[in-house]
């Protein structure tokens, strides 16, 4: 028995969803399988007429893994115009921006997503996490404290540390603008080598005779890679420092 056009379309959409899920699981974790990416690219291109928004989103994710930033941006721009309220496309767009170390832009896009889809759990959680990644610690802490249900404090790793550190920084006159500027400067060496930031860890620690907030960007790769990047990094404030650390074995990422 032949399937109806609507059944064929559903199958096509499902296959694109499966491809998107598979690609999302690959970000920064393993070398690209170019044969697989080319197969997925051909599948998405074949579906541009029947499922244009999802096909464009898949092509954007493939471009992300291939480190093709301008191609990623073009495809996500088209996908969002075609399906402006698709939460999955929006979440994957933010993740792609973070893959290119565009943390402030990712936080802006994630906040816009949250304003448009305020009741979508994944969108709201991502907006908060993106704010933390971008250095907007006090704004994130304010939202954590305002969540009367306690849900966000449960699902955001390190939420208590974020609130603790945000309070410390505020008491010393350090603003979100200050910490975000540090984060932006810290992303420049990563953008040069096209390295993603998979995790961040934030803690209040003793530094000589005083306390300070330490922000660690946890990176894949080798200890030598991280050491070389740290040599290019010269950012900090009296009450906060930023440093790259090796992802593997780090005890408490957010």
C-alpha atoms as a PDB file:
ATOM      1  CA  UNK A   1       0.000   0.000   0.000  1.00  0.00           C
ATOM      2  CA  UNK A   2       1.437   3.350  -1.029  1.00  0.00           C
ATOM      3  CA  UNK A   3       1.828   6.046   1.636  1.00  0.00           C
ATOM      4  CA  UNK A   4      -0.073   9.281   1.340  1.00  0.00           C
ATOM      5  CA  UNK A   5       1.753  12.591   0.699  1.00  0.00           C
ATOM      6  CA  UNK A   6       1.183  13.604   4.325  1.00  0.00           C
ATOM      7  CA  UNK A   7       2.704  10.317   5.549  1.00  0.00           C
ATOM      8  CA  UNK A   8       5.703  10.764   3.279  1.00  0.00           C
ATOM      9  CA  UNK A   9       6.177  14.323   4.600  1.00  0.00           C
ATOM     10  CA  UNK A  10       6.051  13.094   8.197  1.00  0.00           C
ATOM     11  CA  UNK A  11       8.688  10.495   7.443  1.00  0.00           C
ATOM     12  CA  UNK A  12      10.842  13.161   5.841  1.00  0.00           C
ATOM     13  CA  UNK A  13      10.513  15.474   8.843  1.00  0.00           C
ATOM     14  CA  UNK A  14      11.318  12.630  11.212  1.00  0.00           C
ATOM     15  CA  UNK A  15      14.442  11.732   9.284  1.00  0.00           C
ATOM     16  CA  UNK A  16      15.611  15.344   9.492  1.00  0.00           C
ATOM     17  CA  UNK A  17      14.936  15.381  13.233  1.00  0.00           C
ATOM     18  CA  UNK A  18      16.991  12.204  13.619  1.00  0.00           C
ATOM     19  CA  UNK A  19      19.852  13.712  11.618  1.00  0.00           C
ATOM     20  CA  UNK A  20      19.744  16.891  13.706  1.00  0.00           C
ATOM     21  CA  UNK A  21      19.855  14.869  16.929  1.00  0.00           C
ATOM     22  CA  UNK A  22      22.823  12.856  15.670  1.00  0.00           C
ATOM     23  CA  UNK A  23      24.752  15.952  14.611  1.00  0.00           C
ATOM     24  CA  UNK A  24      24.011  17.725  17.906  1.00  0.00           C
ATOM     25  CA  UNK A  25      25.606  14.830  19.782  1.00  0.00           C
ATOM     26  CA  UNK A  26      28.830  15.227  17.774  1.00  0.00           C
ATOM     27  CA  UNK A  27      29.685  18.841  18.595  1.00  0.00           C
ATOM     28  CA  UNK A  28      33.376  19.113  19.592  1.00  0.00           C
ATOM     29  CA  UNK A  29      33.405  15.561  20.968  1.00  0.00           C
ATOM     30  CA  UNK A  30      34.981  13.707  18.045  1.00  0.00           C
ATOM     31  CA  UNK A  31      36.660  14.323  14.697  1.00  0.00           C
ATOM     32  CA  UNK A  32      34.182  14.883  11.886  1.00  0.00           C
ATOM     33  CA  UNK A  33      33.212  11.868   9.820  1.00  0.00           C
ATOM     34  CA  UNK A  34      33.212  13.608   6.466  1.00  0.00           C
ATOM     35  CA  UNK A  35      31.540  10.698   4.688  1.00  0.00           C
ATOM     36  CA  UNK A  36      28.670  10.786   7.156  1.00  0.00           C
ATOM     37  CA  UNK A  37      28.372  14.595   6.966  1.00  0.00           C
ATOM     38  CA  UNK A  38      28.256  14.469   3.171  1.00  0.00           C
ATOM     39  CA  UNK A  39      25.518  11.843   3.317  1.00  0.00           C
ATOM     40  CA  UNK A  40      23.500  13.972   5.731  1.00  0.00           C
ATOM     41  CA  UNK A  41      24.087  17.061   3.599  1.00  0.00           C
ATOM     42  CA  UNK A  42      22.742  15.304   0.516  1.00  0.00           C
ATOM     43  CA  UNK A  43      19.696  14.109   2.466  1.00  0.00           C
ATOM     44  CA  UNK A  44      18.961  17.629   3.721  1.00  0.00           C
ATOM     45  CA  UNK A  45      19.405  19.189   0.289  1.00  0.00           C
ATOM     46  CA  UNK A  46      16.956  16.643  -1.142  1.00  0.00           C
ATOM     47  CA  UNK A  47      14.362  17.855   1.376  1.00  0.00           C
ATOM     48  CA  UNK A  48      14.720  21.591   0.821  1.00  0.00           C
ATOM     49  CA  UNK A  49      11.410  21.755  -1.048  1.00  0.00           C
ATOM     50  CA  UNK A  50       9.341  19.558   1.265  1.00  0.00           C
ATOM     51  CA  UNK A  51      10.804  20.592   4.661  1.00  0.00           C
ATOM     52  CA  UNK A  52      12.755  23.779   3.970  1.00  0.00           C
ATOM     53  CA  UNK A  53      13.128  25.042   7.556  1.00  0.00           C
ATOM     54  CA  UNK A  54      14.365  21.768   9.044  1.00  0.00           C
ATOM     55  CA  UNK A  55      16.541  21.065   6.018  1.00  0.00           C
ATOM     56  CA  UNK A  56      18.169  24.484   6.356  1.00  0.00           C
ATOM     57  CA  UNK A  57      18.738  23.902  10.058  1.00  0.00           C
ATOM     58  CA  UNK A  58      20.449  20.575   9.370  1.00  0.00           C
ATOM     59  CA  UNK A  59      22.649  22.221   6.741  1.00  0.00           C
ATOM     60  CA  UNK A  60      23.542  24.893   9.304  1.00  0.00           C
ATOM     61  CA  UNK A  61      24.559  22.238  11.823  1.00  0.00           C
ATOM     62  CA  UNK A  62      26.673  20.465   9.236  1.00  0.00           C
ATOM     63  CA  UNK A  63      28.373  23.782   8.453  1.00  0.00           C
ATOM     64  CA  UNK A  64      29.053  24.190  12.178  1.00  0.00           C
ATOM     65  CA  UNK A  65      30.906  20.893  12.359  1.00  0.00           C
ATOM     66  CA  UNK A  66      32.834  21.858   9.236  1.00  0.00           C
ATOM     67  CA  UNK A  67      33.772  25.181  10.875  1.00  0.00           C
ATOM     68  CA  UNK A  68      32.021  27.189   8.143  1.00  0.00           C
ATOM     69  CA  UNK A  69      30.688  30.084  10.184  1.00  0.00           C
ATOM     70  CA  UNK A  70      29.238  32.217   7.386  1.00  0.00           C
ATOM     71  CA  UNK A  71      27.447  29.202   5.889  1.00  0.00           C
ATOM     72  CA  UNK A  72      26.040  28.329   9.321  1.00  0.00           C
ATOM     73  CA  UNK A  73      24.727  31.849   9.760  1.00  0.00           C
ATOM     74  CA  UNK A  74      23.086  31.936   6.325  1.00  0.00           C
ATOM     75  CA  UNK A  75      21.270  28.644   6.847  1.00  0.00           C
ATOM     76  CA  UNK A  76      20.053  29.435  10.360  1.00  0.00           C
ATOM     77  CA  UNK A  77      18.866  32.853   9.234  1.00  0.00           C
ATOM     78  CA  UNK A  78      16.794  31.201   6.507  1.00  0.00           C
ATOM     79  CA  UNK A  79      15.531  28.452   8.839  1.00  0.00           C
ATOM     80  CA  UNK A  80      14.335  30.953  11.424  1.00  0.00           C
ATOM     81  CA  UNK A  81      12.520  32.993   8.785  1.00  0.00           C
ATOM     82  CA  UNK A  82      10.804  29.862   7.505  1.00  0.00           C
ATOM     83  CA  UNK A  83       9.836  28.567  10.972  1.00  0.00           C
ATOM     84  CA  UNK A  84      10.056  31.514  13.360  1.00  0.00           C
ATOM     85  CA  UNK A  85       8.687  29.672  16.414  1.00  0.00           C
ATOM     86  CA  UNK A  86      10.439  26.317  16.008  1.00  0.00           C
ATOM     87  CA  UNK A  87      12.086  25.784  19.397  1.00  0.00           C
ATOM     88  CA  UNK A  88      14.484  23.072  18.195  1.00  0.00           C
ATOM     89  CA  UNK A  89      15.851  25.293  15.431  1.00  0.00           C
ATOM     90  CA  UNK A  90      16.288  28.140  17.890  1.00  0.00           C
ATOM     91  CA  UNK A  91      18.086  25.994  20.471  1.00  0.00           C
ATOM     92  CA  UNK A  92      20.429  24.561  17.839  1.00  0.00           C
ATOM     93  CA  UNK A  93      21.145  28.072  16.558  1.00  0.00           C
ATOM     94  CA  UNK A  94      22.352  29.178  19.994  1.00  0.00           C
ATOM     95  CA  UNK A  95      24.468  26.032  20.338  1.00  0.00           C
ATOM     96  CA  UNK A  96      26.081  26.736  16.957  1.00  0.00           C
ATOM     97  CA  UNK A  97      26.985  30.285  17.959  1.00  0.00           C
ATOM     98  CA  UNK A  98      28.620  28.918  21.098  1.00  0.00           C
ATOM     99  CA  UNK A  99      30.550  26.441  18.967  1.00  0.00           C
ATOM    100  CA  UNK A 100      32.170  29.461  17.279  1.00  0.00           C
ATOM    101  CA  UNK A 101      32.866  31.113  20.670  1.00  0.00           C
ATOM    102  CA  UNK A 102      30.328  33.875  19.970  1.00  0.00           C
ATOM    103  CA  UNK A 103      29.135  33.785  23.565  1.00  0.00           C
ATOM    104  CA  UNK A 104      27.603  37.254  23.872  1.00  0.00           C
ATOM    105  CA  UNK A 105      25.737  36.871  20.602  1.00  0.00           C
ATOM    106  CA  UNK A 106      24.537  33.433  21.698  1.00  0.00           C
ATOM    107  CA  UNK A 107      23.250  34.921  24.965  1.00  0.00           C
ATOM    108  CA  UNK A 108      21.396  37.666  23.069  1.00  0.00           C
ATOM    109  CA  UNK A 109      19.784  35.157  20.709  1.00  0.00           C
ATOM    110  CA  UNK A 110      18.903  32.818  23.586  1.00  0.00           C
ATOM    111  CA  UNK A 111      17.262  35.677  25.488  1.00  0.00           C
ATOM    112  CA  UNK A 112      15.251  36.601  22.393  1.00  0.00           C
ATOM    113  CA  UNK A 113      14.186  32.965  22.098  1.00  0.00           C
ATOM    114  CA  UNK A 114      13.070  32.990  25.734  1.00  0.00           C
ATOM    115  CA  UNK A 115      11.032  36.152  25.251  1.00  0.00           C
ATOM    116  CA  UNK A 116       9.256  34.583  22.267  1.00  0.00           C
ATOM    117  CA  UNK A 117       8.841  31.131  23.871  1.00  0.00           C
ATOM    118  CA  UNK A 118       8.744  31.828  27.621  1.00  0.00           C
ATOM    119  CA  UNK A 119       7.042  28.550  28.541  1.00  0.00           C
ATOM    120  CA  UNK A 120       9.390  26.219  26.660  1.00  0.00           C
ATOM    121  CA  UNK A 121      11.608  24.516  29.240  1.00  0.00           C
ATOM    122  CA  UNK A 122      14.647  23.855  27.042  1.00  0.00           C
ATOM    123  CA  UNK A 123      14.590  27.397  25.658  1.00  0.00           C
ATOM    124  CA  UNK A 124      14.401  28.923  29.115  1.00  0.00           C
ATOM    125  CA  UNK A 125      17.162  26.742  30.513  1.00  0.00           C
ATOM    126  CA  UNK A 126      19.420  27.476  27.556  1.00  0.00           C
ATOM    127  CA  UNK A 127      18.865  31.231  27.928  1.00  0.00           C
ATOM    128  CA  UNK A 128      20.083  31.038  31.517  1.00  0.00           C
ATOM    129  CA  UNK A 129      23.078  28.853  30.678  1.00  0.00           C
ATOM    130  CA  UNK A 130      24.009  31.111  27.755  1.00  0.00           C
ATOM    131  CA  UNK A 131      23.950  34.138  30.071  1.00  0.00           C
ATOM    132  CA  UNK A 132      26.373  32.376  32.423  1.00  0.00           C
ATOM    133  CA  UNK A 133      28.688  31.422  29.558  1.00  0.00           C
ATOM    134  CA  UNK A 134      28.687  35.047  28.383  1.00  0.00           C
ATOM    135  CA  UNK A 135      29.623  36.400  31.804  1.00  0.00           C
ATOM    136  CA  UNK A 136      26.218  37.796  32.759  1.00  0.00           C
ATOM    137  CA  UNK A 137      26.458  36.235  36.189  1.00  0.00           C
ATOM    138  CA  UNK A 138      24.411  38.758  38.138  1.00  0.00           C
ATOM    139  CA  UNK A 139      21.542  38.661  35.642  1.00  0.00           C
ATOM    140  CA  UNK A 140      21.643  34.852  35.805  1.00  0.00           C
ATOM    141  CA  UNK A 141      21.688  34.890  39.608  1.00  0.00           C
ATOM    142  CA  UNK A 142      18.730  37.250  39.688  1.00  0.00           C
ATOM    143  CA  UNK A 143      16.731  34.870  37.527  1.00  0.00           C
ATOM    144  CA  UNK A 144      17.753  31.882  39.627  1.00  0.00           C
ATOM    145  CA  UNK A 145      16.625  33.628  42.794  1.00  0.00           C
ATOM    146  CA  UNK A 146      13.349  34.726  41.187  1.00  0.00           C
ATOM    147  CA  UNK A 147      12.401  31.143  40.256  1.00  0.00           C
ATOM    148  CA  UNK A 148       9.967  30.383  43.072  1.00  0.00           C
ATOM    149  CA  UNK A 149       9.615  26.749  41.994  1.00  0.00           C
ATOM    150  CA  UNK A 150      13.320  26.080  42.409  1.00  0.00           C
ATOM    151  CA  UNK A 151      13.337  24.235  39.080  1.00  0.00           C
ATOM    152  CA  UNK A 152      16.180  26.256  37.546  1.00  0.00           C
ATOM    153  CA  UNK A 153      18.359  25.870  40.637  1.00  0.00           C
ATOM    154  CA  UNK A 154      17.919  22.107  40.302  1.00  0.00           C
ATOM    155  CA  UNK A 155      18.630  21.763  36.570  1.00  0.00           C
ATOM    156  CA  UNK A 156      21.423  24.336  36.181  1.00  0.00           C
ATOM    157  CA  UNK A 157      24.679  22.747  37.260  1.00  0.00           C
ATOM    158  CA  UNK A 158      26.585  24.977  39.648  1.00  0.00           C
ATOM    159  CA  UNK A 159      23.629  27.315  40.241  1.00  0.00           C
ATOM    160  CA  UNK A 160      24.575  27.876  43.888  1.00  0.00           C
ATOM    161  CA  UNK A 161      28.117  28.799  42.860  1.00  0.00           C
ATOM    162  CA  UNK A 162      26.773  31.253  40.289  1.00  0.00           C
ATOM    163  CA  UNK A 163      24.606  32.996  42.890  1.00  0.00           C
ATOM    164  CA  UNK A 164      27.451  33.028  45.410  1.00  0.00           C
ATOM    165  CA  UNK A 165      29.951  34.455  42.915  1.00  0.00           C
ATOM    166  CA  UNK A 166      27.470  37.007  41.560  1.00  0.00           C
ATOM    167  CA  UNK A 167      26.832  38.311  45.071  1.00  0.00           C
ATOM    168  CA  UNK A 168      30.569  38.574  45.736  1.00  0.00           C
ATOM    169  CA  UNK A 169      31.182  40.491  42.505  1.00  0.00           C
ATOM    170  CA  UNK A 170      28.278  42.853  43.119  1.00  0.00           C
ATOM    171  CA  UNK A 171      29.587  43.619  46.611  1.00  0.00           C
ATOM    172  CA  UNK A 172      32.919  44.655  45.070  1.00  0.00           C
ATOM    173  CA  UNK A 173      31.449  46.826  42.332  1.00  0.00           C
ATOM    174  CA  UNK A 174      32.155  44.387  39.478  1.00  0.00           C
ATOM    175  CA  UNK A 175      29.292  44.514  36.957  1.00  0.00           C
ATOM    176  CA  UNK A 176      28.058  42.060  34.355  1.00  0.00           C
ATOM    177  CA  UNK A 177      29.458  44.428  31.753  1.00  0.00           C
ATOM    178  CA  UNK A 178      32.901  43.962  33.299  1.00  0.00           C
ATOM    179  CA  UNK A 179      32.758  40.164  33.356  1.00  0.00           C
ATOM    180  CA  UNK A 180      31.189  39.943  29.899  1.00  0.00           C
ATOM    181  CA  UNK A 181      33.999  42.057  28.497  1.00  0.00           C
ATOM    182  CA  UNK A 182      36.502  39.634  30.030  1.00  0.00           C
ATOM    183  CA  UNK A 183      34.670  36.711  28.453  1.00  0.00           C
ATOM    184  CA  UNK A 184      34.681  38.397  25.049  1.00  0.00           C
ATOM    185  CA  UNK A 185      38.428  38.992  25.246  1.00  0.00           C
ATOM    186  CA  UNK A 186      38.963  35.388  26.305  1.00  0.00           C
ATOM    187  CA  UNK A 187      37.103  34.148  23.238  1.00  0.00           C
ATOM    188  CA  UNK A 188      39.416  35.864  20.740  1.00  0.00           C
ATOM    189  CA  UNK A 189      42.227  33.259  20.924  1.00  0.00           C
ATOM    190  CA  UNK A 190      39.642  30.476  20.640  1.00  0.00           C
ATOM    191  CA  UNK A 191      38.099  32.023  17.537  1.00  0.00           C
ATOM    192  CA  UNK A 192      41.567  32.240  15.997  1.00  0.00           C
ATOM    193  CA  UNK A 193      42.038  28.472  16.317  1.00  0.00           C
ATOM    194  CA  UNK A 194      38.316  27.687  15.782  1.00  0.00           C
ATOM    195  CA  UNK A 195      37.926  25.932  19.120  1.00  0.00           C
ATOM    196  CA  UNK A 196      34.581  25.496  20.820  1.00  0.00           C
ATOM    197  CA  UNK A 197      33.901  25.985  24.537  1.00  0.00           C
ATOM    198  CA  UNK A 198      32.117  22.874  25.826  1.00  0.00           C
ATOM    199  CA  UNK A 199      32.029  23.757  29.532  1.00  0.00           C
ATOM    200  CA  UNK A 200      32.635  26.581  31.979  1.00  0.00           C
ATOM    201  CA  UNK A 201      33.368  26.386  35.712  1.00  0.00           C
ATOM    202  CA  UNK A 202      32.949  29.347  38.068  1.00  0.00           C
ATOM    203  CA  UNK A 203      34.112  29.372  41.663  1.00  0.00           C
ATOM    204  CA  UNK A 204      34.988  31.716  44.502  1.00  0.00           C
ATOM    205  CA  UNK A 205      38.497  30.864  45.651  1.00  0.00           C
ATOM    206  CA  UNK A 206      41.359  32.171  47.751  1.00  0.00           C
ATOM    207  CA  UNK A 207      44.033  33.985  45.756  1.00  0.00           C
ATOM    208  CA  UNK A 208      46.849  35.042  48.012  1.00  0.00           C
ATOM    209  CA  UNK A 209      45.504  37.286  50.777  1.00  0.00           C
ATOM    210  CA  UNK A 210      42.110  37.833  49.160  1.00  0.00           C
ATOM    211  CA  UNK A 211      39.231  36.029  47.522  1.00  0.00           C
ATOM    212  CA  UNK A 212      38.379  36.259  43.838  1.00  0.00           C
ATOM    213  CA  UNK A 213      36.024  34.703  41.344  1.00  0.00           C
ATOM    214  CA  UNK A 214      37.804  32.296  39.017  1.00  0.00           C
ATOM    215  CA  UNK A 215      36.202  31.592  35.642  1.00  0.00           C
ATOM    216  CA  UNK A 216      37.607  28.544  33.870  1.00  0.00           C
ATOM    217  CA  UNK A 217      36.778  27.754  30.265  1.00  0.00           C
ATOM    218  CA  UNK A 218      37.197  24.001  29.935  1.00  0.00           C
ATOM    219  CA  UNK A 219      38.560  22.937  26.587  1.00  0.00           C
ATOM    220  CA  UNK A 220      39.068  19.675  24.717  1.00  0.00           C
ATOM    221  CA  UNK A 221      42.520  18.853  23.435  1.00  0.00           C
ATOM    222  CA  UNK A 222      45.848  18.437  25.168  1.00  0.00           C
ATOM    223  CA  UNK A 223      47.497  20.109  28.130  1.00  0.00           C
ATOM    224  CA  UNK A 224      49.990  21.634  25.687  1.00  0.00           C
ATOM    225  CA  UNK A 225      47.155  23.200  23.655  1.00  0.00           C
ATOM    226  CA  UNK A 226      45.638  24.727  26.779  1.00  0.00           C
ATOM    227  CA  UNK A 227      48.998  26.042  27.982  1.00  0.00           C
ATOM    228  CA  UNK A 228      49.653  27.680  24.611  1.00  0.00           C
ATOM    229  CA  UNK A 229      46.244  29.359  24.660  1.00  0.00           C
ATOM    230  CA  UNK A 230      46.748  30.600  28.216  1.00  0.00           C
ATOM    231  CA  UNK A 231      49.965  32.285  27.106  1.00  0.00           C
ATOM    232  CA  UNK A 232      47.848  34.395  24.740  1.00  0.00           C
ATOM    233  CA  UNK A 233      45.388  35.265  27.478  1.00  0.00           C
ATOM    234  CA  UNK A 234      46.036  38.382  29.538  1.00  0.00           C
ATOM    235  CA  UNK A 235      42.676  39.386  30.956  1.00  0.00           C
ATOM    236  CA  UNK A 236      41.514  39.868  34.490  1.00  0.00           C
ATOM    237  CA  UNK A 237      40.239  42.235  37.154  1.00  0.00           C
ATOM    238  CA  UNK A 238      41.217  42.587  40.817  1.00  0.00           C
ATOM    239  CA  UNK A 239      38.260  40.437  41.864  1.00  0.00           C
ATOM    240  CA  UNK A 240      37.904  38.064  38.901  1.00  0.00           C
ATOM    241  CA  UNK A 241      40.235  36.078  36.629  1.00  0.00           C
ATOM    242  CA  UNK A 242      39.638  34.080  33.455  1.00  0.00           C
ATOM    243  CA  UNK A 243      41.696  31.045  32.501  1.00  0.00           C
ATOM    244  CA  UNK A 244      41.564  28.080  30.121  1.00  0.00           C
ATOM    245  CA  UNK A 245      41.693  24.637  31.681  1.00  0.00           C
ATOM    246  CA  UNK A 246      41.651  21.106  30.302  1.00  0.00           C
ATOM    247  CA  UNK A 247      38.147  19.667  30.159  1.00  0.00           C
ATOM    248  CA  UNK A 248      39.154  16.094  30.902  1.00  0.00           C
ATOM    249  CA  UNK A 249      39.146  15.392  34.599  1.00  0.00           C
ATOM    250  CA  UNK A 250      37.990  18.832  35.733  1.00  0.00           C
ATOM    251  CA  UNK A 251      35.854  18.226  38.845  1.00  0.00           C
ATOM    252  CA  UNK A 252      33.028  20.747  38.703  1.00  0.00           C
ATOM    253  CA  UNK A 253      31.950  22.225  35.360  1.00  0.00           C
ATOM    254  CA  UNK A 254      28.603  23.985  35.164  1.00  0.00           C
END
